Amino acid sequence: RTISVNQAWEELWGLTLAQVEGYNVLEDRQLEAKGVLSLLKQAFVGIPTFIPAVEYDPNETLPGKSRYEDSIRWVSAVAYPLKDDAGQVQEVVLVHDDITARRNAE
């Protein structure tokens, strides 16, 4: 589950943390269809990973929640685990890089 987001994330997706309550990234069919879910899962087993750029629409996964009419964004990301002293994954941090403007210019 998503436990924390920052203002940049809210601006990127047009969503708030309260709006994604119950969302589980590991069950996101859109990420699976785009072929990046398996990469993201690596962070959950303790391996930092790079997620290549994909076009993602939060309104496909969470219909009608984004405040943006055009909510589609091109993003790449880095996912890395936060481990406890015993080496067990406690959380995973996902940092997005919004490359929408660059992709649209191309």
PDB file of N, CA and C in Angstrom:
ATOM      1  N   ARG A   1       0.840  -1.179   0.000  1.00  0.00           N
ATOM      2  CA  ARG A   1       0.000   0.000   0.000  1.00  0.00           C
ATOM      3  C   ARG A   1       0.879   1.233   0.000  1.00  0.00           C
ATOM      4  N   THR A   2       0.354   2.307  -0.478  1.00  0.00           N
ATOM      5  CA  THR A   2       1.081   3.567  -0.501  1.00  0.00           C
ATOM      6  C   THR A   2       0.910   4.223   0.865  1.00  0.00           C
ATOM      7  N   ILE A   3       2.034   4.507   1.526  1.00  0.00           N
ATOM      8  CA  ILE A   3       1.946   5.064   2.873  1.00  0.00           C
ATOM      9  C   ILE A   3       2.321   6.541   2.937  1.00  0.00           C
ATOM     10  N   SER A   4       2.978   7.032   1.888  1.00  0.00           N
ATOM     11  CA  SER A   4       3.400   8.426   1.909  1.00  0.00           C
ATOM     12  C   SER A   4       3.675   8.888   0.483  1.00  0.00           C
ATOM     13  N   VAL A   5       3.329  10.128   0.200  1.00  0.00           N
ATOM     14  CA  VAL A   5       3.673  10.763  -1.078  1.00  0.00           C
ATOM     15  C   VAL A   5       4.106  12.190  -0.758  1.00  0.00           C
ATOM     16  N   ASN A   6       4.842  12.792  -1.680  1.00  0.00           N
ATOM     17  CA  ASN A   6       5.213  14.189  -1.464  1.00  0.00           C
ATOM     18  C   ASN A   6       4.430  15.089  -2.427  1.00  0.00           C
ATOM     19  N   GLN A   7       4.644  16.375  -2.297  1.00  0.00           N
ATOM     20  CA  GLN A   7       3.901  17.335  -3.118  1.00  0.00           C
ATOM     21  C   GLN A   7       4.200  17.148  -4.605  1.00  0.00           C
ATOM     22  N   ALA A   8       5.443  16.815  -4.938  1.00  0.00           N
ATOM     23  CA  ALA A   8       5.795  16.603  -6.347  1.00  0.00           C
ATOM     24  C   ALA A   8       5.002  15.440  -6.930  1.00  0.00           C
ATOM     25  N   TRP A   9       4.812  14.373  -6.153  1.00  0.00           N
ATOM     26  CA  TRP A   9       4.019  13.228  -6.609  1.00  0.00           C
ATOM     27  C   TRP A   9       2.571  13.646  -6.830  1.00  0.00           C
ATOM     28  N   GLU A  10       2.022  14.415  -5.887  1.00  0.00           N
ATOM     29  CA  GLU A  10       0.640  14.888  -6.027  1.00  0.00           C
ATOM     30  C   GLU A  10       0.481  15.739  -7.279  1.00  0.00           C
ATOM     31  N   GLU A  11       1.469  16.593  -7.569  1.00  0.00           N
ATOM     32  CA  GLU A  11       1.421  17.428  -8.770  1.00  0.00           C
ATOM     33  C   GLU A  11       1.567  16.586 -10.038  1.00  0.00           C
ATOM     34  N   LEU A  12       2.437  15.604  -9.993  1.00  0.00           N
ATOM     35  CA  LEU A  12       2.647  14.738 -11.160  1.00  0.00           C
ATOM     36  C   LEU A  12       1.358  14.045 -11.568  1.00  0.00           C
ATOM     37  N   TRP A  13       0.684  13.419 -10.612  1.00  0.00           N
ATOM     38  CA  TRP A  13      -0.485  12.582 -10.928  1.00  0.00           C
ATOM     39  C   TRP A  13      -1.824  13.277 -10.727  1.00  0.00           C
ATOM     40  N   GLY A  14      -1.836  14.439 -10.074  1.00  0.00           N
ATOM     41  CA  GLY A  14      -3.112  15.112  -9.820  1.00  0.00           C
ATOM     42  C   GLY A  14      -3.944  14.368  -8.794  1.00  0.00           C
ATOM     43  N   LEU A  15      -3.261  13.706  -7.867  1.00  0.00           N
ATOM     44  CA  LEU A  15      -3.912  12.893  -6.850  1.00  0.00           C
ATOM     45  C   LEU A  15      -3.369  13.248  -5.472  1.00  0.00           C
ATOM     46  N   THR A  16      -4.092  12.846  -4.439  1.00  0.00           N
ATOM     47  CA  THR A  16      -3.613  12.964  -3.068  1.00  0.00           C
ATOM     48  C   THR A  16      -3.473  11.562  -2.490  1.00  0.00           C
ATOM     49  N   LEU A  17      -2.769  11.470  -1.379  1.00  0.00           N
ATOM     50  CA  LEU A  17      -2.612  10.177  -0.715  1.00  0.00           C
ATOM     51  C   LEU A  17      -3.969   9.575  -0.366  1.00  0.00           C
ATOM     52  N   ALA A  18      -4.889  10.395   0.104  1.00  0.00           N
ATOM     53  CA  ALA A  18      -6.221   9.894   0.476  1.00  0.00           C
ATOM     54  C   ALA A  18      -6.935   9.255  -0.719  1.00  0.00           C
ATOM     55  N   GLN A  19      -6.683   9.759  -1.918  1.00  0.00           N
ATOM     56  CA  GLN A  19      -7.347   9.227  -3.107  1.00  0.00           C
ATOM     57  C   GLN A  19      -6.797   7.869  -3.547  1.00  0.00           C
ATOM     58  N   VAL A  20      -5.615   7.509  -3.082  1.00  0.00           N
ATOM     59  CA  VAL A  20      -5.039   6.214  -3.482  1.00  0.00           C
ATOM     60  C   VAL A  20      -5.103   5.194  -2.349  1.00  0.00           C
ATOM     61  N   GLU A  21      -5.907   5.491  -1.337  1.00  0.00           N
ATOM     62  CA  GLU A  21      -6.073   4.543  -0.236  1.00  0.00           C
ATOM     63  C   GLU A  21      -6.532   3.197  -0.785  1.00  0.00           C
ATOM     64  N   GLY A  22      -5.859   2.160  -0.383  1.00  0.00           N
ATOM     65  CA  GLY A  22      -6.198   0.820  -0.850  1.00  0.00           C
ATOM     66  C   GLY A  22      -5.482   0.408  -2.120  1.00  0.00           C
ATOM     67  N   TYR A  23      -4.802   1.344  -2.775  1.00  0.00           N
ATOM     68  CA  TYR A  23      -4.063   1.018  -3.991  1.00  0.00           C
ATOM     69  C   TYR A  23      -2.837   0.182  -3.636  1.00  0.00           C
ATOM     70  N   ASN A  24      -2.629  -0.882  -4.389  1.00  0.00           N
ATOM     71  CA  ASN A  24      -1.469  -1.747  -4.199  1.00  0.00           C
ATOM     72  C   ASN A  24      -0.714  -1.805  -5.519  1.00  0.00           C
ATOM     73  N   VAL A  25       0.460  -1.220  -5.566  1.00  0.00           N
ATOM     74  CA  VAL A  25       1.250  -1.159  -6.792  1.00  0.00           C
ATOM     75  C   VAL A  25       1.534  -2.558  -7.344  1.00  0.00           C
ATOM     76  N   LEU A  26       1.617  -3.551  -6.464  1.00  0.00           N
ATOM     77  CA  LEU A  26       1.915  -4.912  -6.909  1.00  0.00           C
ATOM     78  C   LEU A  26       0.724  -5.583  -7.590  1.00  0.00           C
ATOM     79  N   GLU A  27      -0.426  -4.924  -7.545  1.00  0.00           N
ATOM     80  CA  GLU A  27      -1.624  -5.443  -8.218  1.00  0.00           C
ATOM     81  C   GLU A  27      -2.064  -4.545  -9.372  1.00  0.00           C
ATOM     82  N   ASP A  28      -1.208  -3.642  -9.795  1.00  0.00           N
ATOM     83  CA  ASP A  28      -1.548  -2.669 -10.836  1.00  0.00           C
ATOM     84  C   ASP A  28      -1.471  -3.340 -12.210  1.00  0.00           C
ATOM     85  N   ARG A  29      -2.621  -3.601 -12.798  1.00  0.00           N
ATOM     86  CA  ARG A  29      -2.693  -4.287 -14.094  1.00  0.00           C
ATOM     87  C   ARG A  29      -2.069  -3.478 -15.215  1.00  0.00           C
ATOM     88  N   GLN A  30      -2.131  -2.153 -15.108  1.00  0.00           N
ATOM     89  CA  GLN A  30      -1.539  -1.290 -16.131  1.00  0.00           C
ATOM     90  C   GLN A  30      -0.017  -1.460 -16.143  1.00  0.00           C
ATOM     91  N   LEU A  31       0.597  -1.504 -14.962  1.00  0.00           N
ATOM     92  CA  LEU A  31       2.042  -1.720 -14.896  1.00  0.00           C
ATOM     93  C   LEU A  31       2.412  -3.102 -15.419  1.00  0.00           C
ATOM     94  N   GLU A  32       1.569  -4.073 -15.137  1.00  0.00           N
ATOM     95  CA  GLU A  32       1.817  -5.424 -15.640  1.00  0.00           C
ATOM     96  C   GLU A  32       1.728  -5.454 -17.166  1.00  0.00           C
ATOM     97  N   ALA A  33       0.708  -4.819 -17.714  1.00  0.00           N
ATOM     98  CA  ALA A  33       0.515  -4.798 -19.163  1.00  0.00           C
ATOM     99  C   ALA A  33       1.665  -4.079 -19.873  1.00  0.00           C
ATOM    100  N   LYS A  34       2.265  -3.113 -19.214  1.00  0.00           N
ATOM    101  CA  LYS A  34       3.366  -2.357 -19.812  1.00  0.00           C
ATOM    102  C   LYS A  34       4.716  -3.038 -19.594  1.00  0.00           C
ATOM    103  N   GLY A  35       4.708  -4.159 -18.877  1.00  0.00           N
ATOM    104  CA  GLY A  35       5.914  -4.955 -18.715  1.00  0.00           C
ATOM    105  C   GLY A  35       6.897  -4.462 -17.675  1.00  0.00           C
ATOM    106  N   VAL A  36       6.463  -3.601 -16.772  1.00  0.00           N
ATOM    107  CA  VAL A  36       7.394  -3.073 -15.774  1.00  0.00           C
ATOM    108  C   VAL A  36       7.117  -3.575 -14.361  1.00  0.00           C
ATOM    109  N   LEU A  37       6.019  -4.248 -14.149  1.00  0.00           N
ATOM    110  CA  LEU A  37       5.710  -4.724 -12.800  1.00  0.00           C
ATOM    111  C   LEU A  37       6.756  -5.704 -12.300  1.00  0.00           C
ATOM    112  N   SER A  38       7.247  -6.556 -13.168  1.00  0.00           N
ATOM    113  CA  SER A  38       8.269  -7.522 -12.745  1.00  0.00           C
ATOM    114  C   SER A  38       9.542  -6.806 -12.283  1.00  0.00           C
ATOM    115  N   LEU A  39       9.873  -5.689 -12.914  1.00  0.00           N
ATOM    116  CA  LEU A  39      11.030  -4.900 -12.488  1.00  0.00           C
ATOM    117  C   LEU A  39      10.788  -4.282 -11.122  1.00  0.00           C
ATOM    118  N   LEU A  40       9.607  -3.738 -10.940  1.00  0.00           N
ATOM    119  CA  LEU A  40       9.262  -3.119  -9.667  1.00  0.00           C
ATOM    120  C   LEU A  40       9.296  -4.136  -8.528  1.00  0.00           C
ATOM    121  N   LYS A  41       8.871  -5.332  -8.804  1.00  0.00           N
ATOM    122  CA  LYS A  41       8.861  -6.376  -7.774  1.00  0.00           C
ATOM    123  C   LYS A  41      10.263  -6.686  -7.258  1.00  0.00           C
ATOM    124  N   GLN A  42      11.287  -6.408  -8.042  1.00  0.00           N
ATOM    125  CA  GLN A  42      12.654  -6.641  -7.591  1.00  0.00           C
ATOM    126  C   GLN A  42      12.967  -5.836  -6.338  1.00  0.00           C
ATOM    127  N   ALA A  43      12.464  -4.603  -6.276  1.00  0.00           N
ATOM    128  CA  ALA A  43      12.708  -3.767  -5.098  1.00  0.00           C
ATOM    129  C   ALA A  43      12.066  -4.367  -3.853  1.00  0.00           C
ATOM    130  N   PHE A  44      10.949  -5.050  -4.032  1.00  0.00           N
ATOM    131  CA  PHE A  44      10.252  -5.638  -2.891  1.00  0.00           C
ATOM    132  C   PHE A  44      10.953  -6.888  -2.357  1.00  0.00           C
ATOM    133  N   VAL A  45      11.883  -7.425  -3.130  1.00  0.00           N
ATOM    134  CA  VAL A  45      12.691  -8.547  -2.627  1.00  0.00           C
ATOM    135  C   VAL A  45      14.103  -8.084  -2.276  1.00  0.00           C
ATOM    136  N   GLY A  46      14.324  -6.763  -2.325  1.00  0.00           N
ATOM    137  CA  GLY A  46      15.576  -6.220  -1.834  1.00  0.00           C
ATOM    138  C   GLY A  46      16.566  -5.728  -2.858  1.00  0.00           C
ATOM    139  N   ILE A  47      16.179  -5.692  -4.127  1.00  0.00           N
ATOM    140  CA  ILE A  47      17.102  -5.298  -5.191  1.00  0.00           C
ATOM    141  C   ILE A  47      16.696  -3.934  -5.764  1.00  0.00           C
ATOM    142  N   PRO A  48      17.531  -2.908  -5.599  1.00  0.00           N
ATOM    143  CA  PRO A  48      17.214  -1.614  -6.224  1.00  0.00           C
ATOM    144  C   PRO A  48      17.114  -1.799  -7.743  1.00  0.00           C
ATOM    145  N   THR A  49      16.197  -1.067  -8.368  1.00  0.00           N
ATOM    146  CA  THR A  49      15.989  -1.264  -9.798  1.00  0.00           C
ATOM    147  C   THR A  49      15.579   0.032 -10.491  1.00  0.00           C
ATOM    148  N   PHE A  50      15.880   0.100 -11.773  1.00  0.00           N
ATOM    149  CA  PHE A  50      15.475   1.207 -12.635  1.00  0.00           C
ATOM    150  C   PHE A  50      14.273   0.753 -13.452  1.00  0.00           C
ATOM    151  N   ILE A  51      13.255   1.580 -13.505  1.00  0.00           N
ATOM    152  CA  ILE A  51      12.060   1.298 -14.298  1.00  0.00           C
ATOM    153  C   ILE A  51      12.121   2.197 -15.534  1.00  0.00           C
ATOM    154  N   PRO A  52      12.210   1.607 -16.735  1.00  0.00           N
ATOM    155  CA  PRO A  52      12.300   2.444 -17.935  1.00  0.00           C
ATOM    156  C   PRO A  52      11.012   3.228 -18.180  1.00  0.00           C
ATOM    157  N   ALA A  53      11.110   4.220 -19.024  1.00  0.00           N
ATOM    158  CA  ALA A  53       9.975   5.102 -19.303  1.00  0.00           C
ATOM    159  C   ALA A  53       8.783   4.347 -19.875  1.00  0.00           C
ATOM    160  N   VAL A  54       7.619   4.644 -19.303  1.00  0.00           N
ATOM    161  CA  VAL A  54       6.348   4.130 -19.809  1.00  0.00           C
ATOM    162  C   VAL A  54       5.321   5.257 -19.761  1.00  0.00           C
ATOM    163  N   GLU A  55       4.332   5.126 -20.590  1.00  0.00           N
ATOM    164  CA  GLU A  55       3.207   6.051 -20.571  1.00  0.00           C
ATOM    165  C   GLU A  55       2.192   5.485 -19.573  1.00  0.00           C
ATOM    166  N   TYR A  56       1.820   6.278 -18.579  1.00  0.00           N
ATOM    167  CA  TYR A  56       0.935   5.794 -17.521  1.00  0.00           C
ATOM    168  C   TYR A  56      -0.233   6.749 -17.343  1.00  0.00           C
ATOM    169  N   ASP A  57      -1.435   6.189 -17.216  1.00  0.00           N
ATOM    170  CA  ASP A  57      -2.640   6.983 -17.022  1.00  0.00           C
ATOM    171  C   ASP A  57      -3.279   6.597 -15.690  1.00  0.00           C
ATOM    172  N   PRO A  58      -3.165   7.452 -14.674  1.00  0.00           N
ATOM    173  CA  PRO A  58      -3.763   7.109 -13.390  1.00  0.00           C
ATOM    174  C   PRO A  58      -5.272   6.920 -13.467  1.00  0.00           C
ATOM    175  N   ASN A  59      -5.918   7.561 -14.440  1.00  0.00           N
ATOM    176  CA  ASN A  59      -7.365   7.397 -14.571  1.00  0.00           C
ATOM    177  C   ASN A  59      -7.751   6.014 -15.094  1.00  0.00           C
ATOM    178  N   GLU A  60      -6.809   5.304 -15.680  1.00  0.00           N
ATOM    179  CA  GLU A  60      -7.087   3.928 -16.097  1.00  0.00           C
ATOM    180  C   GLU A  60      -7.114   3.014 -14.874  1.00  0.00           C
ATOM    181  N   THR A  61      -6.221   3.257 -13.938  1.00  0.00           N
ATOM    182  CA  THR A  61      -6.120   2.428 -12.744  1.00  0.00           C
ATOM    183  C   THR A  61      -7.075   2.883 -11.646  1.00  0.00           C
ATOM    184  N   LEU A  62      -7.220   4.181 -11.489  1.00  0.00           N
ATOM    185  CA  LEU A  62      -8.092   4.777 -10.474  1.00  0.00           C
ATOM    186  C   LEU A  62      -9.057   5.732 -11.177  1.00  0.00           C
ATOM    187  N   PRO A  63     -10.071   5.199 -11.838  1.00  0.00           N
ATOM    188  CA  PRO A  63     -10.946   6.015 -12.691  1.00  0.00           C
ATOM    189  C   PRO A  63     -11.516   7.253 -11.998  1.00  0.00           C
ATOM    190  N   GLY A  64     -11.357   8.392 -12.703  1.00  0.00           N
ATOM    191  CA  GLY A  64     -11.960   9.640 -12.273  1.00  0.00           C
ATOM    192  C   GLY A  64     -11.338  10.290 -11.053  1.00  0.00           C
ATOM    193  N   LYS A  65     -10.190   9.809 -10.599  1.00  0.00           N
ATOM    194  CA  LYS A  65      -9.602  10.370  -9.379  1.00  0.00           C
ATOM    195  C   LYS A  65      -8.652  11.540  -9.651  1.00  0.00           C
ATOM    196  N   SER A  66      -7.904  11.501 -10.744  1.00  0.00           N
ATOM    197  CA  SER A  66      -6.956  12.575 -11.023  1.00  0.00           C
ATOM    198  C   SER A  66      -7.712  13.865 -11.306  1.00  0.00           C
ATOM    199  N   ARG A  67      -7.166  14.962 -10.816  1.00  0.00           N
ATOM    200  CA  ARG A  67      -7.813  16.256 -11.075  1.00  0.00           C
ATOM    201  C   ARG A  67      -7.522  16.769 -12.484  1.00  0.00           C
ATOM    202  N   TYR A  68      -6.648  16.080 -13.209  1.00  0.00           N
ATOM    203  CA  TYR A  68      -6.296  16.508 -14.555  1.00  0.00           C
ATOM    204  C   TYR A  68      -7.197  15.855 -15.595  1.00  0.00           C
ATOM    205  N   GLU A  69      -7.655  16.657 -16.534  1.00  0.00           N
ATOM    206  CA  GLU A  69      -8.435  16.108 -17.646  1.00  0.00           C
ATOM    207  C   GLU A  69      -7.564  15.180 -18.481  1.00  0.00           C
ATOM    208  N   ASP A  70      -6.347  15.626 -18.777  1.00  0.00           N
ATOM    209  CA  ASP A  70      -5.375  14.784 -19.467  1.00  0.00           C
ATOM    210  C   ASP A  70      -4.347  14.341 -18.427  1.00  0.00           C
ATOM    211  N   SER A  71      -4.563  13.177 -17.863  1.00  0.00           N
ATOM    212  CA  SER A  71      -3.722  12.718 -16.753  1.00  0.00           C
ATOM    213  C   SER A  71      -2.552  11.842 -17.194  1.00  0.00           C
ATOM    214  N   ILE A  72      -2.454  11.567 -18.477  1.00  0.00           N
ATOM    215  CA  ILE A  72      -1.402  10.679 -18.970  1.00  0.00           C
ATOM    216  C   ILE A  72      -0.038  11.342 -18.823  1.00  0.00           C
ATOM    217  N   ARG A  73       0.902  10.585 -18.263  1.00  0.00           N
ATOM    218  CA  ARG A  73       2.269  11.061 -18.082  1.00  0.00           C
ATOM    219  C   ARG A  73       3.249   9.996 -18.541  1.00  0.00           C
ATOM    220  N   TRP A  74       4.375  10.424 -19.069  1.00  0.00           N
ATOM    221  CA  TRP A  74       5.498   9.543 -19.376  1.00  0.00           C
ATOM    222  C   TRP A  74       6.447   9.626 -18.193  1.00  0.00           C
ATOM    223  N   VAL A  75       6.743   8.505 -17.567  1.00  0.00           N
ATOM    224  CA  VAL A  75       7.636   8.501 -16.419  1.00  0.00           C
ATOM    225  C   VAL A  75       8.600   7.318 -16.475  1.00  0.00           C
ATOM    226  N   SER A  76       9.787   7.565 -15.983  1.00  0.00           N
ATOM    227  CA  SER A  76      10.708   6.485 -15.645  1.00  0.00           C
ATOM    228  C   SER A  76      10.818   6.560 -14.127  1.00  0.00           C
ATOM    229  N   ALA A  77      11.438   5.575 -13.532  1.00  0.00           N
ATOM    230  CA  ALA A  77      11.498   5.585 -12.072  1.00  0.00           C
ATOM    231  C   ALA A  77      12.673   4.768 -11.564  1.00  0.00           C
ATOM    232  N   VAL A  78      12.989   5.020 -10.309  1.00  0.00           N
ATOM    233  CA  VAL A  78      13.936   4.207  -9.570  1.00  0.00           C
ATOM    234  C   VAL A  78      13.167   3.690  -8.359  1.00  0.00           C
ATOM    235  N   ALA A  79      13.299   2.398  -8.095  1.00  0.00           N
ATOM    236  CA  ALA A  79      12.661   1.803  -6.922  1.00  0.00           C
ATOM    237  C   ALA A  79      13.757   1.169  -6.078  1.00  0.00           C
ATOM    238  N   TYR A  80      13.742   1.497  -4.799  1.00  0.00           N
ATOM    239  CA  TYR A  80      14.764   0.901  -3.939  1.00  0.00           C
ATOM    240  C   TYR A  80      14.167   0.544  -2.581  1.00  0.00           C
ATOM    241  N   PRO A  81      14.668  -0.571  -2.026  1.00  0.00           N
ATOM    242  CA  PRO A  81      14.139  -1.043  -0.747  1.00  0.00           C
ATOM    243  C   PRO A  81      14.777  -0.327   0.437  1.00  0.00           C
ATOM    244  N   LEU A  82      14.003  -0.157   1.491  1.00  0.00           N
ATOM    245  CA  LEU A  82      14.511   0.285   2.782  1.00  0.00           C
ATOM    246  C   LEU A  82      14.454  -0.940   3.682  1.00  0.00           C
ATOM    247  N   LYS A  83      15.610  -1.319   4.216  1.00  0.00           N
ATOM    248  CA  LYS A  83      15.707  -2.553   4.994  1.00  0.00           C
ATOM    249  C   LYS A  83      15.956  -2.262   6.467  1.00  0.00           C
ATOM    250  N   ASP A  84      15.550  -3.202   7.312  1.00  0.00           N
ATOM    251  CA  ASP A  84      15.847  -3.094   8.736  1.00  0.00           C
ATOM    252  C   ASP A  84      17.255  -3.635   9.000  1.00  0.00           C
ATOM    253  N   ASP A  85      17.661  -3.643  10.242  1.00  0.00           N
ATOM    254  CA  ASP A  85      19.008  -4.082  10.606  1.00  0.00           C
ATOM    255  C   ASP A  85      19.277  -5.540  10.234  1.00  0.00           C
ATOM    256  N   ALA A  86      18.217  -6.327  10.129  1.00  0.00           N
ATOM    257  CA  ALA A  86      18.371  -7.737   9.772  1.00  0.00           C
ATOM    258  C   ALA A  86      18.371  -7.943   8.257  1.00  0.00           C
ATOM    259  N   GLY A  87      18.221  -6.849   7.499  1.00  0.00           N
ATOM    260  CA  GLY A  87      18.225  -6.954   6.046  1.00  0.00           C
ATOM    261  C   GLY A  87      16.873  -7.242   5.425  1.00  0.00           C
ATOM    262  N   GLN A  88      15.816  -7.204   6.226  1.00  0.00           N
ATOM    263  CA  GLN A  88      14.469  -7.444   5.715  1.00  0.00           C
ATOM    264  C   GLN A  88      13.887  -6.157   5.133  1.00  0.00           C
ATOM    265  N   VAL A  89      13.263  -6.260   3.983  1.00  0.00           N
ATOM    266  CA  VAL A  89      12.639  -5.093   3.346  1.00  0.00           C
ATOM    267  C   VAL A  89      11.457  -4.638   4.196  1.00  0.00           C
ATOM    268  N   GLN A  90      11.469  -3.378   4.580  1.00  0.00           N
ATOM    269  CA  GLN A  90      10.386  -2.786   5.358  1.00  0.00           C
ATOM    270  C   GLN A  90       9.480  -1.906   4.494  1.00  0.00           C
ATOM    271  N   GLU A  91      10.089  -1.201   3.557  1.00  0.00           N
ATOM    272  CA  GLU A  91       9.364  -0.306   2.652  1.00  0.00           C
ATOM    273  C   GLU A  91      10.117  -0.245   1.335  1.00  0.00           C
ATOM    274  N   VAL A  92       9.429   0.231   0.320  1.00  0.00           N
ATOM    275  CA  VAL A  92      10.063   0.474  -0.967  1.00  0.00           C
ATOM    276  C   VAL A  92       9.784   1.914  -1.357  1.00  0.00           C
ATOM    277  N   VAL A  93      10.826   2.608  -1.744  1.00  0.00           N
ATOM    278  CA  VAL A  93      10.704   3.994  -2.200  1.00  0.00           C
ATOM    279  C   VAL A  93      10.693   3.983  -3.722  1.00  0.00           C
ATOM    280  N   LEU A  94       9.758   4.715  -4.286  1.00  0.00           N
ATOM    281  CA  LEU A  94       9.638   4.827  -5.736  1.00  0.00           C
ATOM    282  C   LEU A  94       9.775   6.298  -6.096  1.00  0.00           C
ATOM    283  N   VAL A  95      10.800   6.620  -6.885  1.00  0.00           N
ATOM    284  CA  VAL A  95      11.060   8.002  -7.294  1.00  0.00           C
ATOM    285  C   VAL A  95      10.814   8.106  -8.795  1.00  0.00           C
ATOM    286  N   HIS A  96       9.841   8.932  -9.159  1.00  0.00           N
ATOM    287  CA  HIS A  96       9.476   9.102 -10.565  1.00  0.00           C
ATOM    288  C   HIS A  96      10.266  10.226 -11.215  1.00  0.00           C
ATOM    289  N   ASP A  97      10.522  10.067 -12.503  1.00  0.00           N
ATOM    290  CA  ASP A  97      11.110  11.131 -13.318  1.00  0.00           C
ATOM    291  C   ASP A  97      10.118  11.416 -14.435  1.00  0.00           C
ATOM    292  N   ASP A  98       9.459  12.562 -14.368  1.00  0.00           N
ATOM    293  CA  ASP A  98       8.453  12.940 -15.361  1.00  0.00           C
ATOM    294  C   ASP A  98       9.149  13.416 -16.633  1.00  0.00           C
ATOM    295  N   ILE A  99       9.016  12.644 -17.682  1.00  0.00           N
ATOM    296  CA  ILE A  99       9.640  13.007 -18.970  1.00  0.00           C
ATOM    297  C   ILE A  99       8.585  13.292 -20.022  1.00  0.00           C
ATOM    298  N   THR A 100       7.390  13.647 -19.582  1.00  0.00           N
ATOM    299  CA  THR A 100       6.261  13.882 -20.490  1.00  0.00           C
ATOM    300  C   THR A 100       6.580  14.952 -21.529  1.00  0.00           C
ATOM    301  N   ALA A 101       7.078  16.097 -21.094  1.00  0.00           N
ATOM    302  CA  ALA A 101       7.358  17.191 -22.029  1.00  0.00           C
ATOM    303  C   ALA A 101       8.382  16.765 -23.076  1.00  0.00           C
ATOM    304  N   ARG A 102       9.405  16.063 -22.649  1.00  0.00           N
ATOM    305  CA  ARG A 102      10.440  15.596 -23.574  1.00  0.00           C
ATOM    306  C   ARG A 102       9.868  14.602 -24.575  1.00  0.00           C
ATOM    307  N   ARG A 103       9.076  13.660 -24.114  1.00  0.00           N
ATOM    308  CA  ARG A 103       8.476  12.669 -25.023  1.00  0.00           C
ATOM    309  C   ARG A 103       7.506  13.334 -25.993  1.00  0.00           C
ATOM    310  N   ASN A 104       6.727  14.269 -25.505  1.00  0.00           N
ATOM    311  CA  ASN A 104       5.778  14.961 -26.393  1.00  0.00           C
ATOM    312  C   ASN A 104       6.519  15.790 -27.446  1.00  0.00           C
ATOM    313  N   ALA A 105       7.678  16.359 -27.086  1.00  0.00           N
ATOM    314  CA  ALA A 105       8.467  17.138 -28.039  1.00  0.00           C
ATOM    315  C   ALA A 105       9.059  16.234 -29.117  1.00  0.00           C
ATOM    316  N   GLU A 106       9.390  14.998 -28.735  1.00  0.00           N
ATOM    317  CA  GLU A 106       9.944  14.053 -29.696  1.00  0.00           C
ATOM    318  C   GLU A 106       8.907  13.647 -30.713  1.00  0.00           C
TER     319      GLU A 106
END
